Each structure stands twice: as structure tokens, then as C-alpha cells.
């Protein structure tokens, strides 16, 4: 068995040639990555559904836009809360994933976390890969792997996140940010 180097906490940025419409220009935060597979949430797919429409008690704690994000094509009826909590210790109801980024137990009373939250985003569904599946996609060139920043989770302009993440890279990836939405119109 080959050893899998963990990409937990990093971003997968869809290449312009990735053909899957679920991931067109997607920025995925990997919440778990090991030999058993990978799980992440798409950070730049806001829906028109307000957080208060499905999780009323958490509505006042999310940033702008105050909507549910489509975290990926798997389990769209399940909600995940991803929060940035600065400092070394997180409150009850929060599990650190990477750095200041962690998962919120949405069954916990929101007041347990409210004072500690730097930002919170709610996702319906997630992106998932079986053992070796993500590694195959990486080898095929479907994704760029880059470092995440805590602000990526709560970007107030998620529709610009794909370009913003690429633009901040100190390599030829910064040039990819200028890739046209439809190259045939170029």
C-alpha cells in the first residue's frame, strides 16, 4: 500500500479544464484526507437558501453572505458547519481540523460557540473521494493544491474566490487566474 501524504487543511482549486460541472471553478477545503479517502467542502457555491431557513438558531452567527453553501454533490440533505476560531483552545462543540479552521457540532447550543467564533459558514453536502480517487485526479491534473488561509472559509465574495486564491500564488498559477470563463469567446 502506498503512503498518502495528508492534504487536510489545504485547498483544491479546480483547473480550467476540469470537466465535472459540480466542480467548475470550485475551491474545495479538504477537511479530511488519508488512505481511506478524502472529504471537503466547496467554499464558493452559495445557494439562495438563507441559513435561518434551515438552521434558525445559527443564523445570526454566520457571516455575509448569510446563506447556505452547497458543499458538494454528496449528502445534500446533511449540514456541516465550518468555523474559524482563533487561539489555541476551541470551545465545546468545535473540533480543530487544521490551524484555526474546524468543524462545528450543529447539534450543540450555538451560545456555546458564539463568543469564540471568528467566522462560521454552513454547508449542505460535501465533496468526497474514495481511497486513491483524489490522488488519481491530482495525477490527471484536475486540481491545483495550494495552502488555505482562514479568510477563505468566510470570503464575503465567494464568487471571486477561485481567481483570488490563484492570484495570490507565487508561481505560474497566478497567471491561471486570468483564464477566461469561456475560452472560445477569446
N, C-alpha and C. Protein backbone atom coordinates (compact mmCIF):
# COMPACT_ATOMS: atom_id res chain seq x y z
N UNK A 1 0.85 -1.18 0.00
CA UNK A 1 0.00 0.00 0.00
C UNK A 1 0.90 1.25 0.00
N UNK A 2 0.55 2.22 -0.84
CA UNK A 2 1.31 3.46 -0.87
C UNK A 2 0.86 4.39 0.25
N UNK A 3 1.83 5.10 0.80
CA UNK A 3 1.51 6.04 1.87
C UNK A 3 0.90 7.31 1.27
N UNK A 4 -0.14 7.81 1.91
CA UNK A 4 -0.80 9.03 1.45
C UNK A 4 -0.36 10.17 2.34
N UNK A 5 0.21 11.20 1.72
CA UNK A 5 0.60 12.39 2.47
C UNK A 5 -0.66 13.23 2.66
N UNK A 6 -0.99 13.56 3.88
CA UNK A 6 -2.25 14.25 4.16
C UNK A 6 -2.29 15.65 3.57
N UNK A 7 -3.39 15.94 2.91
CA UNK A 7 -3.65 17.27 2.37
C UNK A 7 -4.71 17.99 3.20
N UNK A 8 -5.04 17.45 4.36
CA UNK A 8 -6.04 18.06 5.23
C UNK A 8 -5.69 19.52 5.48
N UNK A 9 -6.69 20.39 5.31
CA UNK A 9 -6.50 21.81 5.54
C UNK A 9 -6.04 22.58 4.32
N UNK A 10 -5.73 21.90 3.25
CA UNK A 10 -5.29 22.57 2.03
C UNK A 10 -6.49 22.76 1.10
N UNK A 11 -6.27 23.57 0.08
CA UNK A 11 -7.32 23.84 -0.90
C UNK A 11 -7.06 23.07 -2.18
N UNK A 12 -8.13 22.55 -2.74
CA UNK A 12 -8.11 22.03 -4.10
C UNK A 12 -8.76 23.10 -4.95
N UNK A 13 -8.05 23.57 -5.95
CA UNK A 13 -8.58 24.58 -6.86
C UNK A 13 -8.74 23.91 -8.21
N UNK A 14 -9.96 23.89 -8.72
CA UNK A 14 -10.24 23.22 -9.99
C UNK A 14 -9.45 23.87 -11.12
N UNK A 15 -8.85 23.04 -11.95
CA UNK A 15 -8.18 23.57 -13.13
C UNK A 15 -9.25 24.00 -14.13
N UNK A 16 -8.93 24.92 -15.02
CA UNK A 16 -9.93 25.36 -16.00
C UNK A 16 -10.44 24.23 -16.89
N UNK A 17 -9.68 23.13 -17.00
CA UNK A 17 -10.08 22.03 -17.87
C UNK A 17 -10.89 20.95 -17.16
N UNK A 18 -11.10 21.07 -15.87
CA UNK A 18 -11.88 20.07 -15.13
C UNK A 18 -13.30 20.06 -15.69
N UNK A 19 -13.72 18.93 -16.21
CA UNK A 19 -14.99 18.85 -16.95
C UNK A 19 -16.23 18.61 -16.07
N UNK A 20 -16.07 18.21 -14.83
CA UNK A 20 -17.21 17.91 -13.97
C UNK A 20 -17.93 19.19 -13.58
N UNK A 21 -19.21 19.36 -13.97
CA UNK A 21 -19.92 20.61 -13.65
C UNK A 21 -20.09 20.86 -12.15
N UNK A 22 -20.01 19.82 -11.33
CA UNK A 22 -20.07 20.00 -9.87
C UNK A 22 -18.87 20.80 -9.36
N UNK A 23 -17.79 20.80 -10.12
CA UNK A 23 -16.56 21.41 -9.64
C UNK A 23 -15.99 22.47 -10.58
N UNK A 24 -16.81 22.99 -11.48
CA UNK A 24 -16.36 24.05 -12.38
C UNK A 24 -15.93 25.26 -11.56
N UNK A 25 -14.64 25.63 -11.65
CA UNK A 25 -14.06 26.76 -10.92
C UNK A 25 -14.26 26.64 -9.40
N UNK A 26 -14.29 25.43 -8.91
CA UNK A 26 -14.52 25.19 -7.47
C UNK A 26 -13.22 25.38 -6.68
N UNK A 27 -13.41 25.82 -5.43
CA UNK A 27 -12.34 25.88 -4.44
C UNK A 27 -12.82 25.00 -3.29
N UNK A 28 -12.13 23.89 -3.07
CA UNK A 28 -12.54 22.90 -2.07
C UNK A 28 -11.56 22.92 -0.91
N UNK A 29 -12.08 23.10 0.30
CA UNK A 29 -11.27 22.98 1.51
C UNK A 29 -11.31 21.53 1.95
N UNK A 30 -10.15 20.86 2.01
CA UNK A 30 -10.11 19.47 2.45
C UNK A 30 -10.17 19.40 3.97
N UNK A 31 -11.20 18.75 4.47
CA UNK A 31 -11.41 18.60 5.91
C UNK A 31 -10.82 17.30 6.43
N UNK A 32 -10.61 16.35 5.52
CA UNK A 32 -10.04 15.06 5.90
C UNK A 32 -9.43 14.44 4.66
N UNK A 33 -8.21 13.90 4.81
CA UNK A 33 -7.55 13.24 3.69
C UNK A 33 -6.58 12.22 4.26
N UNK A 34 -6.86 10.96 3.98
CA UNK A 34 -5.97 9.88 4.42
C UNK A 34 -6.14 8.70 3.48
N UNK A 35 -5.58 7.54 3.86
CA UNK A 35 -5.64 6.37 2.98
C UNK A 35 -7.06 5.83 2.77
N UNK A 36 -8.00 6.26 3.60
CA UNK A 36 -9.39 5.81 3.46
C UNK A 36 -10.22 6.70 2.54
N UNK A 37 -9.64 7.83 2.11
CA UNK A 37 -10.35 8.72 1.21
C UNK A 37 -10.22 10.18 1.64
N UNK A 38 -11.04 11.01 1.02
CA UNK A 38 -10.97 12.45 1.27
C UNK A 38 -12.36 13.04 1.36
N UNK A 39 -12.47 14.11 2.15
CA UNK A 39 -13.73 14.82 2.32
C UNK A 39 -13.43 16.30 2.40
N UNK A 40 -14.22 17.09 1.69
CA UNK A 40 -14.04 18.53 1.71
C UNK A 40 -15.34 19.24 1.43
N UNK A 41 -15.29 20.57 1.48
CA UNK A 41 -16.46 21.39 1.15
C UNK A 41 -16.06 22.44 0.11
N UNK A 42 -16.96 22.68 -0.83
CA UNK A 42 -16.74 23.69 -1.85
C UNK A 42 -17.04 25.05 -1.21
N UNK A 43 -16.05 25.92 -1.19
CA UNK A 43 -16.17 27.20 -0.49
C UNK A 43 -16.86 28.29 -1.31
N UNK A 44 -17.04 28.08 -2.59
CA UNK A 44 -17.54 29.16 -3.44
C UNK A 44 -18.82 28.82 -4.19
N UNK A 45 -19.75 28.12 -3.52
CA UNK A 45 -21.04 27.79 -4.12
C UNK A 45 -22.20 28.22 -3.21
N UNK A 46 -22.45 29.53 -3.09
CA UNK A 46 -23.59 29.95 -2.27
C UNK A 46 -24.90 29.55 -2.93
N UNK A 47 -25.88 29.24 -2.11
CA UNK A 47 -27.23 28.93 -2.61
C UNK A 47 -28.12 30.12 -2.25
N UNK A 48 -29.33 30.16 -2.78
CA UNK A 48 -30.25 31.24 -2.39
C UNK A 48 -30.93 30.99 -1.03
N UNK A 49 -30.66 29.85 -0.41
CA UNK A 49 -31.31 29.47 0.84
C UNK A 49 -30.61 30.15 2.02
N UNK A 50 -31.35 30.90 2.79
CA UNK A 50 -30.80 31.55 3.98
C UNK A 50 -30.53 30.54 5.08
N UNK A 51 -29.50 30.78 5.88
CA UNK A 51 -29.19 29.89 7.00
C UNK A 51 -30.39 29.80 7.94
N UNK A 52 -31.08 30.93 8.16
CA UNK A 52 -32.24 30.94 9.04
C UNK A 52 -33.39 30.07 8.56
N UNK A 53 -33.42 29.77 7.27
CA UNK A 53 -34.48 28.92 6.73
C UNK A 53 -34.33 27.46 7.13
N UNK A 54 -33.10 27.04 7.43
CA UNK A 54 -32.91 25.63 7.79
C UNK A 54 -32.30 25.43 9.18
N UNK A 55 -31.53 26.39 9.65
CA UNK A 55 -30.90 26.30 10.98
C UNK A 55 -31.06 27.63 11.69
N UNK A 56 -32.28 27.93 12.06
CA UNK A 56 -32.61 29.25 12.62
C UNK A 56 -31.70 29.67 13.76
N UNK A 57 -31.36 28.74 14.65
CA UNK A 57 -30.56 29.11 15.82
C UNK A 57 -29.13 29.53 15.47
N UNK A 58 -28.64 29.16 14.29
CA UNK A 58 -27.28 29.52 13.89
C UNK A 58 -27.25 30.74 12.98
N UNK A 59 -28.39 31.22 12.54
CA UNK A 59 -28.47 32.27 11.53
C UNK A 59 -27.70 33.54 11.90
N UNK A 60 -27.80 34.00 13.09
CA UNK A 60 -27.14 35.24 13.48
C UNK A 60 -25.63 35.13 13.62
N UNK A 61 -25.08 33.93 13.50
CA UNK A 61 -23.66 33.72 13.73
C UNK A 61 -22.84 33.55 12.45
N UNK A 62 -23.51 33.45 11.32
CA UNK A 62 -22.79 33.28 10.07
C UNK A 62 -22.46 34.64 9.46
N UNK A 63 -21.41 34.67 8.66
CA UNK A 63 -21.01 35.91 8.01
C UNK A 63 -21.78 36.14 6.72
N UNK A 64 -21.43 37.22 6.04
CA UNK A 64 -22.04 37.53 4.76
C UNK A 64 -21.33 36.78 3.64
N UNK A 65 -22.04 36.24 2.71
CA UNK A 65 -23.50 36.19 2.64
C UNK A 65 -24.06 35.17 3.62
N UNK A 66 -25.16 35.51 4.25
CA UNK A 66 -25.80 34.69 5.28
C UNK A 66 -26.69 33.62 4.64
N UNK A 67 -26.05 32.79 3.80
CA UNK A 67 -26.77 31.73 3.08
C UNK A 67 -26.07 30.41 3.31
N UNK A 68 -26.77 29.34 2.98
CA UNK A 68 -26.18 28.01 3.00
C UNK A 68 -25.37 27.84 1.71
N UNK A 69 -24.23 27.21 1.81
CA UNK A 69 -23.39 26.93 0.65
C UNK A 69 -23.54 25.47 0.27
N UNK A 70 -23.49 25.18 -1.03
CA UNK A 70 -23.51 23.79 -1.46
C UNK A 70 -22.09 23.27 -1.34
N UNK A 71 -21.88 22.44 -0.34
CA UNK A 71 -20.54 21.94 -0.03
C UNK A 71 -20.02 20.91 -1.01
N UNK A 72 -20.92 20.35 -1.80
CA UNK A 72 -20.54 19.33 -2.77
C UNK A 72 -21.74 18.49 -3.13
N UNK A 73 -21.54 17.53 -4.03
CA UNK A 73 -22.68 16.75 -4.52
C UNK A 73 -23.11 15.59 -3.63
N UNK A 74 -22.39 15.30 -2.54
CA UNK A 74 -22.70 14.15 -1.69
C UNK A 74 -23.53 14.60 -0.48
N UNK A 75 -24.59 13.86 -0.16
CA UNK A 75 -25.42 14.09 1.03
C UNK A 75 -25.91 15.53 1.15
N UNK A 76 -26.61 16.00 0.14
CA UNK A 76 -27.11 17.38 0.14
C UNK A 76 -28.11 17.66 1.25
N UNK A 77 -28.64 16.62 1.88
CA UNK A 77 -29.58 16.81 2.98
C UNK A 77 -28.88 16.90 4.34
N UNK A 78 -27.56 16.82 4.35
CA UNK A 78 -26.80 16.92 5.59
C UNK A 78 -26.10 18.28 5.65
N UNK A 79 -26.02 18.86 6.84
CA UNK A 79 -25.38 20.17 7.02
C UNK A 79 -24.08 20.02 7.79
N UNK A 80 -23.08 20.77 7.34
CA UNK A 80 -21.78 20.85 8.02
C UNK A 80 -21.53 22.30 8.37
N UNK A 81 -21.01 22.54 9.55
CA UNK A 81 -20.61 23.89 9.94
C UNK A 81 -19.10 23.95 10.02
N UNK A 82 -18.52 24.91 9.30
CA UNK A 82 -17.07 25.11 9.33
C UNK A 82 -16.84 26.50 9.91
N UNK A 83 -15.99 26.55 10.94
CA UNK A 83 -15.75 27.82 11.63
C UNK A 83 -14.27 28.07 11.80
N UNK A 84 -13.94 29.34 11.84
CA UNK A 84 -12.59 29.76 12.18
C UNK A 84 -12.65 30.28 13.61
N UNK A 85 -11.82 29.68 14.46
CA UNK A 85 -11.76 30.08 15.87
C UNK A 85 -10.29 30.33 16.21
N UNK A 86 -9.93 31.59 16.39
CA UNK A 86 -8.53 31.91 16.70
C UNK A 86 -8.13 31.39 18.08
N UNK A 87 -6.84 31.23 18.25
CA UNK A 87 -6.32 30.81 19.56
C UNK A 87 -6.00 29.34 19.60
N UNK A 88 -5.46 28.94 20.74
CA UNK A 88 -5.03 27.56 20.91
C UNK A 88 -6.14 26.62 21.31
N UNK A 89 -7.07 27.09 22.09
CA UNK A 89 -8.15 26.25 22.59
C UNK A 89 -9.47 26.63 21.96
N UNK A 90 -10.19 25.65 21.50
CA UNK A 90 -11.52 25.90 20.95
C UNK A 90 -12.58 25.54 21.97
N UNK A 91 -13.76 26.06 21.81
CA UNK A 91 -14.84 25.77 22.75
C UNK A 91 -15.44 24.38 22.54
N UNK A 92 -16.24 23.97 23.49
CA UNK A 92 -17.02 22.75 23.34
C UNK A 92 -17.88 22.87 22.10
N UNK A 93 -18.02 21.82 21.33
CA UNK A 93 -18.84 21.86 20.13
C UNK A 93 -18.06 22.21 18.88
N UNK A 94 -16.73 22.28 18.99
CA UNK A 94 -15.88 22.61 17.85
C UNK A 94 -14.69 21.66 17.84
N UNK A 95 -14.36 21.12 16.66
CA UNK A 95 -13.21 20.22 16.52
C UNK A 95 -12.25 20.78 15.49
N UNK A 96 -11.03 21.04 15.92
CA UNK A 96 -10.00 21.59 15.04
C UNK A 96 -9.70 20.61 13.90
N UNK A 97 -9.64 21.15 12.69
CA UNK A 97 -9.27 20.37 11.52
C UNK A 97 -7.85 20.71 11.10
N UNK A 98 -7.58 22.02 11.01
CA UNK A 98 -6.27 22.48 10.57
C UNK A 98 -6.12 23.94 10.97
N UNK A 99 -5.08 24.26 11.70
CA UNK A 99 -4.87 25.65 12.12
C UNK A 99 -6.06 26.14 12.93
N UNK A 100 -6.61 27.27 12.52
CA UNK A 100 -7.76 27.85 13.22
C UNK A 100 -9.09 27.37 12.65
N UNK A 101 -9.05 26.50 11.64
CA UNK A 101 -10.26 26.01 10.97
C UNK A 101 -10.72 24.72 11.62
N UNK A 102 -12.04 24.63 11.86
CA UNK A 102 -12.57 23.42 12.47
C UNK A 102 -14.03 23.20 12.13
N UNK A 103 -14.53 22.06 12.57
CA UNK A 103 -15.92 21.69 12.35
C UNK A 103 -16.75 21.99 13.58
N UNK A 104 -17.95 22.49 13.35
CA UNK A 104 -18.88 22.83 14.42
C UNK A 104 -19.92 21.72 14.55
N UNK A 105 -20.19 21.33 15.78
CA UNK A 105 -21.28 20.40 16.05
C UNK A 105 -22.58 21.20 16.01
N UNK A 106 -23.32 21.08 14.92
CA UNK A 106 -24.54 21.87 14.75
C UNK A 106 -25.67 21.43 15.67
N UNK A 107 -25.46 20.33 16.40
CA UNK A 107 -26.42 19.88 17.41
C UNK A 107 -26.18 20.58 18.75
N UNK A 108 -25.00 21.17 18.91
CA UNK A 108 -24.65 21.87 20.15
C UNK A 108 -25.40 23.20 20.22
N UNK A 109 -25.65 23.70 21.43
CA UNK A 109 -26.28 25.02 21.54
C UNK A 109 -25.35 26.09 20.98
N UNK A 110 -25.83 26.94 20.07
CA UNK A 110 -24.99 27.97 19.45
C UNK A 110 -24.31 28.88 20.47
N UNK A 111 -24.95 29.12 21.61
CA UNK A 111 -24.35 30.02 22.60
C UNK A 111 -23.04 29.48 23.17
N UNK A 112 -22.79 28.15 23.05
CA UNK A 112 -21.51 27.58 23.50
C UNK A 112 -20.35 28.10 22.66
N UNK A 113 -20.63 28.41 21.38
CA UNK A 113 -19.56 28.81 20.47
C UNK A 113 -19.59 30.28 20.10
N UNK A 114 -20.70 30.94 20.29
CA UNK A 114 -20.91 32.30 19.78
C UNK A 114 -19.77 33.26 20.11
N UNK A 115 -19.32 33.28 21.34
CA UNK A 115 -18.29 34.24 21.75
C UNK A 115 -16.93 33.96 21.12
N UNK A 116 -16.66 32.70 20.77
CA UNK A 116 -15.35 32.32 20.25
C UNK A 116 -15.25 32.39 18.73
N UNK A 117 -16.39 32.42 18.05
CA UNK A 117 -16.38 32.33 16.58
C UNK A 117 -15.71 33.53 15.92
N UNK A 118 -14.75 33.24 15.05
CA UNK A 118 -14.20 34.27 14.20
C UNK A 118 -15.05 34.39 12.95
N UNK A 119 -15.51 33.24 12.45
CA UNK A 119 -16.42 33.18 11.31
C UNK A 119 -17.05 31.80 11.27
N UNK A 120 -18.21 31.72 10.64
CA UNK A 120 -18.94 30.46 10.51
C UNK A 120 -19.61 30.41 9.16
N UNK A 121 -19.53 29.26 8.54
CA UNK A 121 -20.21 29.03 7.27
C UNK A 121 -20.91 27.68 7.36
N UNK A 122 -22.14 27.61 6.82
CA UNK A 122 -22.92 26.38 6.82
C UNK A 122 -22.95 25.81 5.41
N UNK A 123 -22.68 24.51 5.29
CA UNK A 123 -22.64 23.82 4.00
C UNK A 123 -23.65 22.69 3.96
N UNK A 124 -24.39 22.60 2.86
CA UNK A 124 -25.27 21.45 2.61
C UNK A 124 -24.49 20.52 1.69
N UNK A 125 -24.24 19.33 2.17
CA UNK A 125 -23.48 18.37 1.39
C UNK A 125 -21.99 18.58 1.48
N UNK A 126 -21.28 17.68 0.81
CA UNK A 126 -19.82 17.74 0.82
C UNK A 126 -19.29 17.08 -0.45
N UNK A 127 -18.00 17.24 -0.67
CA UNK A 127 -17.30 16.57 -1.76
C UNK A 127 -16.54 15.41 -1.15
N UNK A 128 -16.66 14.24 -1.74
CA UNK A 128 -15.99 13.07 -1.20
C UNK A 128 -15.30 12.25 -2.27
N UNK A 129 -14.19 11.63 -1.88
CA UNK A 129 -13.42 10.78 -2.77
C UNK A 129 -13.09 9.49 -2.02
N UNK A 130 -13.19 8.36 -2.69
CA UNK A 130 -12.81 7.08 -2.10
C UNK A 130 -11.30 6.93 -2.06
N UNK A 131 -10.81 5.82 -1.50
CA UNK A 131 -9.36 5.59 -1.41
C UNK A 131 -8.70 5.71 -2.78
N UNK A 132 -7.68 6.56 -2.88
CA UNK A 132 -6.92 6.71 -4.10
C UNK A 132 -7.58 7.55 -5.20
N UNK A 133 -8.86 7.85 -5.06
CA UNK A 133 -9.59 8.56 -6.12
C UNK A 133 -9.06 9.99 -6.30
N UNK A 134 -8.85 10.70 -5.22
CA UNK A 134 -8.34 12.07 -5.33
C UNK A 134 -6.92 12.06 -5.89
N UNK A 135 -6.10 11.12 -5.45
CA UNK A 135 -4.73 11.04 -5.94
C UNK A 135 -4.73 10.83 -7.46
N UNK A 136 -5.66 10.02 -7.96
CA UNK A 136 -5.78 9.81 -9.41
C UNK A 136 -6.14 11.12 -10.11
N UNK A 137 -7.10 11.86 -9.55
CA UNK A 137 -7.50 13.14 -10.14
C UNK A 137 -6.33 14.14 -10.12
N UNK A 138 -5.54 14.11 -9.05
CA UNK A 138 -4.38 15.00 -8.97
C UNK A 138 -3.34 14.64 -10.04
N UNK A 139 -3.11 13.36 -10.22
CA UNK A 139 -2.17 12.90 -11.24
C UNK A 139 -2.64 13.28 -12.63
N UNK A 140 -3.95 13.25 -12.84
CA UNK A 140 -4.54 13.61 -14.14
C UNK A 140 -4.56 15.12 -14.37
N UNK A 141 -4.22 15.91 -13.34
CA UNK A 141 -4.16 17.35 -13.49
C UNK A 141 -5.50 18.06 -13.33
N UNK A 142 -6.44 17.47 -12.61
CA UNK A 142 -7.75 18.08 -12.43
C UNK A 142 -7.75 19.20 -11.39
N UNK A 143 -6.79 19.17 -10.47
CA UNK A 143 -6.77 20.11 -9.34
C UNK A 143 -5.38 20.70 -9.14
N UNK A 144 -5.37 21.95 -8.67
CA UNK A 144 -4.16 22.55 -8.12
C UNK A 144 -4.31 22.42 -6.60
N UNK A 145 -3.24 22.10 -5.90
CA UNK A 145 -3.25 22.01 -4.44
C UNK A 145 -2.46 23.21 -3.91
N UNK A 146 -3.12 24.02 -3.09
CA UNK A 146 -2.49 25.22 -2.54
C UNK A 146 -2.82 25.34 -1.05
N UNK A 147 -2.07 26.18 -0.37
CA UNK A 147 -2.31 26.42 1.05
C UNK A 147 -3.61 27.21 1.24
N UNK A 148 -4.33 26.89 2.30
CA UNK A 148 -5.54 27.65 2.64
C UNK A 148 -5.17 28.78 3.59
N UNK A 149 -6.05 29.74 3.67
CA UNK A 149 -5.95 30.82 4.65
C UNK A 149 -7.28 30.86 5.38
N UNK A 150 -7.29 31.22 6.68
CA UNK A 150 -8.56 31.24 7.42
C UNK A 150 -9.64 32.08 6.73
N UNK A 151 -9.27 33.16 6.07
CA UNK A 151 -10.24 34.01 5.40
C UNK A 151 -10.94 33.36 4.21
N UNK A 152 -10.37 32.27 3.69
CA UNK A 152 -11.01 31.58 2.57
C UNK A 152 -12.37 31.02 2.97
N UNK A 153 -12.47 30.56 4.21
CA UNK A 153 -13.72 29.95 4.69
C UNK A 153 -14.86 30.96 4.69
N UNK A 154 -14.54 32.22 4.95
CA UNK A 154 -15.59 33.22 5.13
C UNK A 154 -15.53 34.35 4.11
N UNK A 155 -14.99 34.07 2.95
CA UNK A 155 -14.87 35.12 1.93
C UNK A 155 -16.22 35.79 1.69
N UNK A 156 -16.30 37.13 1.83
CA UNK A 156 -17.57 37.82 1.62
C UNK A 156 -17.99 37.86 0.15
N UNK A 157 -17.04 37.54 -0.73
CA UNK A 157 -17.34 37.50 -2.17
C UNK A 157 -16.92 36.14 -2.73
N UNK A 158 -17.66 35.09 -2.35
CA UNK A 158 -17.25 33.74 -2.74
C UNK A 158 -17.19 33.53 -4.26
N UNK A 159 -17.96 34.31 -5.02
CA UNK A 159 -17.94 34.16 -6.47
C UNK A 159 -16.58 34.56 -7.08
N UNK A 160 -15.75 35.26 -6.31
CA UNK A 160 -14.43 35.68 -6.77
C UNK A 160 -13.30 34.84 -6.14
N UNK A 161 -13.65 33.85 -5.35
CA UNK A 161 -12.63 33.10 -4.60
C UNK A 161 -11.68 32.32 -5.50
N UNK A 162 -12.17 31.71 -6.56
CA UNK A 162 -11.32 30.92 -7.45
C UNK A 162 -10.17 31.79 -7.97
N UNK A 163 -10.51 32.96 -8.51
CA UNK A 163 -9.49 33.86 -9.05
C UNK A 163 -8.59 34.41 -7.93
N UNK A 164 -9.18 34.74 -6.79
CA UNK A 164 -8.41 35.32 -5.69
C UNK A 164 -7.37 34.34 -5.15
N UNK A 165 -7.76 33.08 -4.99
CA UNK A 165 -6.82 32.08 -4.48
C UNK A 165 -5.68 31.86 -5.48
N UNK A 166 -6.00 31.79 -6.75
CA UNK A 166 -4.95 31.61 -7.75
C UNK A 166 -4.05 32.84 -7.84
N UNK A 167 -4.65 34.01 -7.78
CA UNK A 167 -3.89 35.25 -7.92
C UNK A 167 -2.84 35.41 -6.82
N UNK A 168 -3.10 34.90 -5.62
CA UNK A 168 -2.14 35.08 -4.52
C UNK A 168 -0.98 34.08 -4.55
N UNK A 169 -0.99 33.14 -5.49
CA UNK A 169 0.09 32.16 -5.58
C UNK A 169 1.34 32.81 -6.15
N UNK A 170 2.48 32.39 -5.65
CA UNK A 170 3.77 32.95 -6.10
C UNK A 170 4.39 32.01 -7.13
N UNK A 171 3.62 31.70 -8.14
CA UNK A 171 4.11 30.80 -9.19
C UNK A 171 3.31 31.08 -10.45
N UNK A 172 3.50 30.22 -11.44
CA UNK A 172 2.75 30.38 -12.69
C UNK A 172 1.24 30.23 -12.49
N UNK A 173 0.83 29.70 -11.35
CA UNK A 173 -0.60 29.59 -11.06
C UNK A 173 -1.29 30.95 -11.02
N UNK A 174 -0.57 31.98 -10.64
CA UNK A 174 -1.16 33.32 -10.60
C UNK A 174 -1.67 33.72 -11.97
N UNK A 175 -1.01 33.27 -13.02
CA UNK A 175 -1.46 33.59 -14.39
C UNK A 175 -2.77 32.89 -14.74
N UNK A 176 -3.02 31.73 -14.15
CA UNK A 176 -4.25 30.97 -14.43
C UNK A 176 -5.48 31.78 -14.00
N UNK A 177 -5.31 32.66 -13.01
CA UNK A 177 -6.43 33.49 -12.54
C UNK A 177 -7.04 34.34 -13.65
N UNK A 178 -6.28 34.57 -14.71
CA UNK A 178 -6.79 35.40 -15.81
C UNK A 178 -7.46 34.55 -16.90
N UNK A 179 -7.50 33.25 -16.70
CA UNK A 179 -8.10 32.35 -17.69
C UNK A 179 -9.57 32.75 -17.89
N UNK A 180 -10.01 32.93 -19.14
CA UNK A 180 -11.38 33.38 -19.38
C UNK A 180 -12.42 32.33 -19.00
N UNK A 181 -13.60 32.79 -18.61
CA UNK A 181 -14.68 31.85 -18.27
C UNK A 181 -15.02 30.95 -19.46
N UNK A 182 -15.03 31.53 -20.64
CA UNK A 182 -15.31 30.78 -21.86
C UNK A 182 -14.20 31.07 -22.87
N UNK A 183 -13.20 30.19 -22.98
CA UNK A 183 -12.06 30.45 -23.86
C UNK A 183 -12.46 30.62 -25.33
N UNK A 184 -13.58 30.07 -25.74
CA UNK A 184 -14.00 30.19 -27.14
C UNK A 184 -14.37 31.61 -27.50
N UNK A 185 -14.65 32.46 -26.50
CA UNK A 185 -15.01 33.85 -26.75
C UNK A 185 -13.77 34.75 -26.79
N UNK A 186 -12.62 34.19 -26.57
CA UNK A 186 -11.38 34.95 -26.51
C UNK A 186 -10.87 35.35 -27.87
